[in-house]
Amino acid sequence: MQEQTGYPVRAQWRRPGDTEPHPPADALLVVPVTFNTVNKWAVGASDTLALGILNEAIGTGLPVHAFPRVKATLAAHPAYAGHLRLLGEAGVVFHDASFLRPGDEMTADRWAIVVDTLRRTGRPTGTT
């Protein structure tokens, strides 16, 4: 990933005083977002770097687009629909991710579907 963007991959929290090595984001994409992540995100859990970033993004007003890929049996859980609704009310835009199958890698053709979806739904200007 670093070779593609020119920026280091961040896998750990920054310490106080550490500089931010990345430019400010125009939007945040969560592709794919799992059942576990949706539920933890909705209740504000920040026990991983990824969840901390997702939780902070809601507070910044940054456009957040999520593509859930969840088995039907898990999506039927009573908490799931409520958590989608709660995050949606907080500004998260959810998109159909039926083009993803569990275990699939995000190949160029799948990223093209994500980009096309964002273009059709009014992705923010300047988003890359």
N, C-alpha and C. Protein backbone atom coordinates (compact mmCIF):
# COMPACT_ATOMS: atom_id res chain seq x y z
N MET A 1 0.82 -1.19 0.00
CA MET A 1 0.00 0.00 0.00
C MET A 1 0.87 1.26 0.00
N GLN A 2 1.95 1.26 0.75
CA GLN A 2 2.81 2.43 0.81
C GLN A 2 3.38 2.77 -0.57
N GLU A 3 3.65 1.75 -1.36
CA GLU A 3 4.18 1.99 -2.71
C GLU A 3 3.15 2.71 -3.58
N GLN A 4 1.86 2.44 -3.37
CA GLN A 4 0.81 3.05 -4.17
C GLN A 4 0.53 4.49 -3.75
N THR A 5 0.56 4.76 -2.45
CA THR A 5 0.16 6.08 -1.96
C THR A 5 1.32 7.01 -1.63
N GLY A 6 2.48 6.42 -1.34
CA GLY A 6 3.60 7.24 -0.90
C GLY A 6 3.55 7.56 0.59
N TYR A 7 2.55 7.02 1.29
CA TYR A 7 2.40 7.27 2.72
C TYR A 7 2.52 5.96 3.48
N PRO A 8 3.04 6.02 4.70
CA PRO A 8 3.15 4.79 5.48
C PRO A 8 1.78 4.23 5.86
N VAL A 9 1.71 2.92 5.96
CA VAL A 9 0.50 2.27 6.44
C VAL A 9 0.47 2.42 7.95
N ARG A 10 -0.64 2.93 8.46
CA ARG A 10 -0.75 3.14 9.90
C ARG A 10 -1.47 1.96 10.52
N ALA A 11 -0.80 1.25 11.42
CA ALA A 11 -1.39 0.08 12.06
C ALA A 11 -1.42 0.21 13.58
N GLN A 12 -0.89 1.31 14.09
CA GLN A 12 -0.87 1.53 15.54
C GLN A 12 -1.25 2.97 15.81
N TRP A 13 -1.71 3.20 17.03
CA TRP A 13 -2.04 4.55 17.45
C TRP A 13 -0.80 5.43 17.41
N ARG A 14 -1.00 6.69 17.07
CA ARG A 14 0.11 7.65 17.20
C ARG A 14 0.21 8.05 18.66
N ARG A 15 1.42 8.34 19.09
CA ARG A 15 1.62 8.83 20.45
C ARG A 15 1.42 10.34 20.47
N PRO A 16 1.07 10.88 21.64
CA PRO A 16 0.96 12.33 21.74
C PRO A 16 2.27 12.98 21.28
N GLY A 17 2.15 13.97 20.44
CA GLY A 17 3.32 14.66 19.93
C GLY A 17 3.82 14.13 18.60
N ASP A 18 3.41 12.91 18.21
CA ASP A 18 3.80 12.37 16.90
C ASP A 18 3.10 13.18 15.82
N THR A 19 3.80 13.44 14.75
CA THR A 19 3.20 14.17 13.64
C THR A 19 2.32 13.23 12.82
N GLU A 20 1.32 13.79 12.18
CA GLU A 20 0.42 13.03 11.31
C GLU A 20 1.09 12.93 9.94
N PRO A 21 1.44 11.72 9.48
CA PRO A 21 2.16 11.58 8.22
C PRO A 21 1.25 11.63 6.98
N HIS A 22 -0.06 11.69 7.18
CA HIS A 22 -1.00 11.64 6.06
C HIS A 22 -1.68 12.99 5.85
N PRO A 23 -2.03 13.32 4.61
CA PRO A 23 -2.79 14.54 4.38
C PRO A 23 -4.21 14.39 4.91
N PRO A 24 -4.91 15.49 5.13
CA PRO A 24 -6.30 15.38 5.60
C PRO A 24 -7.16 14.64 4.58
N ALA A 25 -8.07 13.83 5.07
CA ALA A 25 -8.95 13.05 4.19
C ALA A 25 -10.12 13.91 3.72
N ASP A 26 -10.62 13.59 2.52
CA ASP A 26 -11.83 14.21 2.00
C ASP A 26 -13.06 13.40 2.37
N ALA A 27 -12.87 12.11 2.57
CA ALA A 27 -13.95 11.19 2.91
C ALA A 27 -13.32 9.94 3.48
N LEU A 28 -14.16 9.11 4.09
CA LEU A 28 -13.69 7.85 4.64
C LEU A 28 -14.54 6.73 4.06
N LEU A 29 -13.87 5.68 3.55
CA LEU A 29 -14.56 4.51 3.01
C LEU A 29 -14.28 3.32 3.90
N VAL A 30 -15.30 2.52 4.14
CA VAL A 30 -15.15 1.31 4.92
C VAL A 30 -15.61 0.16 4.01
N VAL A 31 -14.63 -0.56 3.47
CA VAL A 31 -14.91 -1.57 2.44
C VAL A 31 -14.08 -2.82 2.69
N PRO A 32 -14.67 -3.96 2.90
CA PRO A 32 -16.05 -4.15 3.34
C PRO A 32 -16.13 -3.93 4.85
N VAL A 33 -17.30 -3.62 5.34
CA VAL A 33 -17.50 -3.49 6.78
C VAL A 33 -18.26 -4.73 7.25
N THR A 34 -17.78 -5.32 8.31
CA THR A 34 -18.32 -6.59 8.80
C THR A 34 -19.42 -6.36 9.85
N PHE A 35 -20.12 -7.43 10.15
CA PHE A 35 -21.14 -7.43 11.21
C PHE A 35 -20.53 -6.96 12.52
N ASN A 36 -19.39 -7.51 12.89
CA ASN A 36 -18.73 -7.16 14.13
C ASN A 36 -18.37 -5.67 14.16
N THR A 37 -17.82 -5.17 13.07
CA THR A 37 -17.41 -3.77 13.03
C THR A 37 -18.61 -2.84 13.12
N VAL A 38 -19.68 -3.14 12.38
CA VAL A 38 -20.89 -2.30 12.46
C VAL A 38 -21.38 -2.21 13.90
N ASN A 39 -21.49 -3.35 14.56
CA ASN A 39 -22.03 -3.37 15.92
C ASN A 39 -21.13 -2.65 16.92
N LYS A 40 -19.82 -2.88 16.83
CA LYS A 40 -18.90 -2.20 17.74
C LYS A 40 -18.85 -0.71 17.46
N TRP A 41 -18.87 -0.33 16.19
CA TRP A 41 -18.84 1.07 15.79
C TRP A 41 -20.08 1.79 16.33
N ALA A 42 -21.23 1.17 16.20
CA ALA A 42 -22.48 1.79 16.62
C ALA A 42 -22.53 2.08 18.12
N VAL A 43 -21.85 1.25 18.92
CA VAL A 43 -21.86 1.48 20.36
C VAL A 43 -20.65 2.29 20.82
N GLY A 44 -19.82 2.73 19.87
CA GLY A 44 -18.70 3.59 20.20
C GLY A 44 -17.46 2.89 20.69
N ALA A 45 -17.36 1.58 20.49
CA ALA A 45 -16.15 0.86 20.91
C ALA A 45 -14.97 1.34 20.08
N SER A 46 -13.86 1.58 20.74
CA SER A 46 -12.64 2.00 20.05
C SER A 46 -11.48 1.12 20.47
N ASP A 47 -11.70 -0.18 20.46
CA ASP A 47 -10.67 -1.10 20.93
C ASP A 47 -9.68 -1.50 19.85
N THR A 48 -9.81 -0.92 18.66
CA THR A 48 -8.80 -1.10 17.61
C THR A 48 -8.56 0.26 16.96
N LEU A 49 -7.46 0.39 16.28
CA LEU A 49 -7.16 1.63 15.57
C LEU A 49 -8.26 1.94 14.57
N ALA A 50 -8.70 0.93 13.82
CA ALA A 50 -9.73 1.15 12.80
C ALA A 50 -11.02 1.70 13.42
N LEU A 51 -11.47 1.11 14.52
CA LEU A 51 -12.69 1.60 15.16
C LEU A 51 -12.49 3.01 15.72
N GLY A 52 -11.33 3.29 16.26
CA GLY A 52 -11.06 4.64 16.74
C GLY A 52 -11.17 5.67 15.62
N ILE A 53 -10.62 5.33 14.46
CA ILE A 53 -10.70 6.24 13.31
C ILE A 53 -12.15 6.40 12.86
N LEU A 54 -12.91 5.30 12.81
CA LEU A 54 -14.31 5.38 12.41
C LEU A 54 -15.12 6.24 13.38
N ASN A 55 -14.90 6.05 14.66
CA ASN A 55 -15.63 6.85 15.65
C ASN A 55 -15.28 8.33 15.55
N GLU A 56 -14.01 8.64 15.38
CA GLU A 56 -13.61 10.03 15.24
C GLU A 56 -14.18 10.66 13.98
N ALA A 57 -14.26 9.89 12.91
CA ALA A 57 -14.76 10.42 11.64
C ALA A 57 -16.18 10.95 11.78
N ILE A 58 -17.00 10.27 12.57
CA ILE A 58 -18.38 10.73 12.77
C ILE A 58 -18.37 12.11 13.42
N GLY A 59 -17.48 12.32 14.35
CA GLY A 59 -17.42 13.60 15.05
C GLY A 59 -16.85 14.74 14.23
N THR A 60 -16.17 14.42 13.13
CA THR A 60 -15.55 15.47 12.33
C THR A 60 -16.48 16.01 11.25
N GLY A 61 -17.54 15.28 10.95
CA GLY A 61 -18.41 15.67 9.84
C GLY A 61 -17.88 15.21 8.50
N LEU A 62 -16.79 14.46 8.50
CA LEU A 62 -16.21 13.91 7.28
C LEU A 62 -17.21 12.94 6.66
N PRO A 63 -17.43 13.00 5.34
CA PRO A 63 -18.33 12.03 4.71
C PRO A 63 -17.80 10.61 4.92
N VAL A 64 -18.68 9.73 5.39
CA VAL A 64 -18.31 8.34 5.64
C VAL A 64 -19.23 7.44 4.82
N HIS A 65 -18.63 6.58 4.00
CA HIS A 65 -19.37 5.65 3.16
C HIS A 65 -18.94 4.24 3.54
N ALA A 66 -19.93 3.37 3.79
CA ALA A 66 -19.64 2.00 4.22
C ALA A 66 -20.34 1.00 3.31
N PHE A 67 -19.64 -0.08 3.04
CA PHE A 67 -20.13 -1.16 2.19
C PHE A 67 -20.17 -2.44 3.04
N PRO A 68 -21.30 -2.70 3.72
CA PRO A 68 -21.35 -3.89 4.57
C PRO A 68 -21.41 -5.18 3.76
N ARG A 69 -20.68 -6.15 4.24
CA ARG A 69 -20.73 -7.50 3.67
C ARG A 69 -20.96 -8.44 4.84
N VAL A 70 -22.21 -8.83 5.02
CA VAL A 70 -22.63 -9.57 6.20
C VAL A 70 -23.50 -10.74 5.76
N LYS A 71 -23.25 -11.91 6.32
CA LYS A 71 -24.08 -13.08 6.03
C LYS A 71 -25.53 -12.78 6.44
N ALA A 72 -26.47 -13.33 5.69
CA ALA A 72 -27.89 -13.12 5.96
C ALA A 72 -28.27 -13.54 7.37
N THR A 73 -27.69 -14.61 7.86
CA THR A 73 -28.03 -15.08 9.21
C THR A 73 -27.58 -14.08 10.27
N LEU A 74 -26.46 -13.41 10.05
CA LEU A 74 -26.01 -12.38 10.99
C LEU A 74 -26.81 -11.09 10.81
N ALA A 75 -27.12 -10.74 9.57
CA ALA A 75 -27.90 -9.53 9.31
C ALA A 75 -29.29 -9.62 9.93
N ALA A 76 -29.77 -10.84 10.19
CA ALA A 76 -31.08 -11.03 10.81
C ALA A 76 -31.05 -10.79 12.32
N HIS A 77 -29.88 -10.63 12.90
CA HIS A 77 -29.77 -10.38 14.34
C HIS A 77 -30.49 -9.07 14.66
N PRO A 78 -31.26 -9.02 15.75
CA PRO A 78 -32.05 -7.82 16.03
C PRO A 78 -31.23 -6.55 16.27
N ALA A 79 -30.00 -6.66 16.70
CA ALA A 79 -29.19 -5.47 16.94
C ALA A 79 -28.69 -4.84 15.65
N TYR A 80 -28.51 -5.65 14.62
CA TYR A 80 -27.85 -5.17 13.41
C TYR A 80 -28.62 -4.04 12.71
N ALA A 81 -29.90 -4.23 12.46
CA ALA A 81 -30.69 -3.20 11.77
C ALA A 81 -30.70 -1.89 12.56
N GLY A 82 -30.82 -2.01 13.87
CA GLY A 82 -30.81 -0.82 14.70
C GLY A 82 -29.47 -0.09 14.66
N HIS A 83 -28.40 -0.85 14.60
CA HIS A 83 -27.07 -0.23 14.53
C HIS A 83 -26.84 0.43 13.18
N LEU A 84 -27.32 -0.18 12.09
CA LEU A 84 -27.24 0.48 10.79
C LEU A 84 -28.00 1.80 10.82
N ARG A 85 -29.19 1.77 11.39
CA ARG A 85 -30.02 2.97 11.48
C ARG A 85 -29.33 4.05 12.32
N LEU A 86 -28.78 3.67 13.45
CA LEU A 86 -28.09 4.61 14.33
C LEU A 86 -26.91 5.27 13.61
N LEU A 87 -26.09 4.47 12.95
CA LEU A 87 -24.95 5.02 12.22
C LEU A 87 -25.42 5.88 11.05
N GLY A 88 -26.50 5.46 10.39
CA GLY A 88 -27.06 6.27 9.31
C GLY A 88 -27.53 7.63 9.80
N GLU A 89 -28.15 7.65 10.97
CA GLU A 89 -28.59 8.93 11.55
C GLU A 89 -27.41 9.81 11.92
N ALA A 90 -26.26 9.20 12.15
CA ALA A 90 -25.04 9.95 12.46
C ALA A 90 -24.33 10.42 11.19
N GLY A 91 -24.88 10.05 10.02
CA GLY A 91 -24.32 10.53 8.76
C GLY A 91 -23.60 9.50 7.92
N VAL A 92 -23.47 8.28 8.40
CA VAL A 92 -22.81 7.24 7.62
C VAL A 92 -23.74 6.83 6.47
N VAL A 93 -23.21 6.78 5.27
CA VAL A 93 -23.98 6.36 4.10
C VAL A 93 -23.62 4.91 3.80
N PHE A 94 -24.63 4.05 3.83
CA PHE A 94 -24.41 2.64 3.56
C PHE A 94 -24.77 2.32 2.11
N HIS A 95 -23.95 1.49 1.50
CA HIS A 95 -24.12 1.09 0.10
C HIS A 95 -24.22 -0.43 0.01
N ASP A 96 -24.87 -0.89 -1.03
CA ASP A 96 -24.97 -2.33 -1.30
C ASP A 96 -23.58 -2.88 -1.61
N ALA A 97 -23.25 -3.98 -0.98
CA ALA A 97 -21.95 -4.62 -1.23
C ALA A 97 -22.15 -6.05 -1.71
N SER A 98 -23.24 -6.29 -2.43
CA SER A 98 -23.49 -7.65 -2.90
C SER A 98 -22.46 -8.11 -3.92
N PHE A 99 -21.67 -7.18 -4.44
CA PHE A 99 -20.60 -7.55 -5.38
C PHE A 99 -19.42 -8.20 -4.65
N LEU A 100 -19.45 -8.16 -3.33
CA LEU A 100 -18.40 -8.79 -2.52
C LEU A 100 -18.91 -10.11 -1.97
N ARG A 101 -18.04 -11.07 -1.93
CA ARG A 101 -18.36 -12.35 -1.32
C ARG A 101 -17.36 -12.57 -0.19
N PRO A 102 -17.80 -13.20 0.90
CA PRO A 102 -16.85 -13.45 1.99
C PRO A 102 -15.57 -14.10 1.48
N GLY A 103 -14.46 -13.58 1.91
CA GLY A 103 -13.17 -14.12 1.52
C GLY A 103 -12.59 -13.51 0.26
N ASP A 104 -13.40 -12.74 -0.49
CA ASP A 104 -12.90 -12.11 -1.71
C ASP A 104 -11.91 -11.00 -1.38
N GLU A 105 -10.92 -10.87 -2.23
CA GLU A 105 -9.99 -9.75 -2.11
C GLU A 105 -10.56 -8.55 -2.85
N MET A 106 -10.14 -7.37 -2.46
CA MET A 106 -10.58 -6.15 -3.15
C MET A 106 -9.68 -5.95 -4.37
N THR A 107 -10.09 -6.54 -5.47
CA THR A 107 -9.36 -6.42 -6.73
C THR A 107 -9.74 -5.12 -7.42
N ALA A 108 -9.01 -4.80 -8.49
CA ALA A 108 -9.25 -3.55 -9.22
C ALA A 108 -10.69 -3.45 -9.70
N ASP A 109 -11.28 -4.56 -10.16
CA ASP A 109 -12.66 -4.49 -10.64
C ASP A 109 -13.64 -4.20 -9.52
N ARG A 110 -13.36 -4.71 -8.33
CA ARG A 110 -14.25 -4.42 -7.19
C ARG A 110 -14.08 -2.97 -6.72
N TRP A 111 -12.84 -2.47 -6.74
CA TRP A 111 -12.65 -1.06 -6.39
C TRP A 111 -13.34 -0.17 -7.42
N ALA A 112 -13.37 -0.58 -8.68
CA ALA A 112 -14.07 0.20 -9.70
C ALA A 112 -15.56 0.31 -9.38
N ILE A 113 -16.15 -0.76 -8.85
CA ILE A 113 -17.56 -0.71 -8.45
C ILE A 113 -17.75 0.27 -7.31
N VAL A 114 -16.84 0.27 -6.34
CA VAL A 114 -16.93 1.20 -5.22
C VAL A 114 -16.85 2.65 -5.73
N VAL A 115 -15.88 2.92 -6.57
CA VAL A 115 -15.70 4.28 -7.10
C VAL A 115 -16.92 4.70 -7.91
N ASP A 116 -17.44 3.80 -8.74
CA ASP A 116 -18.63 4.11 -9.53
C ASP A 116 -19.83 4.40 -8.63
N THR A 117 -20.00 3.62 -7.58
CA THR A 117 -21.09 3.85 -6.63
C THR A 117 -20.98 5.22 -5.98
N LEU A 118 -19.78 5.58 -5.58
CA LEU A 118 -19.59 6.89 -4.94
C LEU A 118 -19.86 8.03 -5.93
N ARG A 119 -19.45 7.86 -7.15
CA ARG A 119 -19.71 8.89 -8.17
C ARG A 119 -21.22 9.05 -8.39
N ARG A 120 -21.95 7.95 -8.43
CA ARG A 120 -23.39 8.01 -8.67
C ARG A 120 -24.15 8.57 -7.48
N THR A 121 -23.60 8.45 -6.28
CA THR A 121 -24.30 8.89 -5.08
C THR A 121 -23.79 10.24 -4.57
N GLY A 122 -23.00 10.90 -5.37
CA GLY A 122 -22.54 12.23 -4.98
C GLY A 122 -21.37 12.24 -4.03
N ARG A 123 -20.31 11.52 -4.39
CA ARG A 123 -19.13 11.53 -3.53
C ARG A 123 -18.59 12.96 -3.44
N PRO A 124 -17.96 13.29 -2.35
CA PRO A 124 -17.44 14.64 -2.15
C PRO A 124 -16.38 14.99 -3.21
N THR A 125 -16.37 16.23 -3.60
CA THR A 125 -15.37 16.72 -4.54
C THR A 125 -13.98 16.54 -3.96
N GLY A 126 -13.08 16.06 -4.77
CA GLY A 126 -11.69 15.90 -4.33
C GLY A 126 -11.39 14.56 -3.70
N THR A 127 -12.39 13.72 -3.52
CA THR A 127 -12.14 12.42 -2.91
C THR A 127 -11.36 11.55 -3.88
N THR A 128 -10.35 10.87 -3.37
CA THR A 128 -9.58 9.96 -4.22
C THR A 128 -9.76 8.55 -3.76
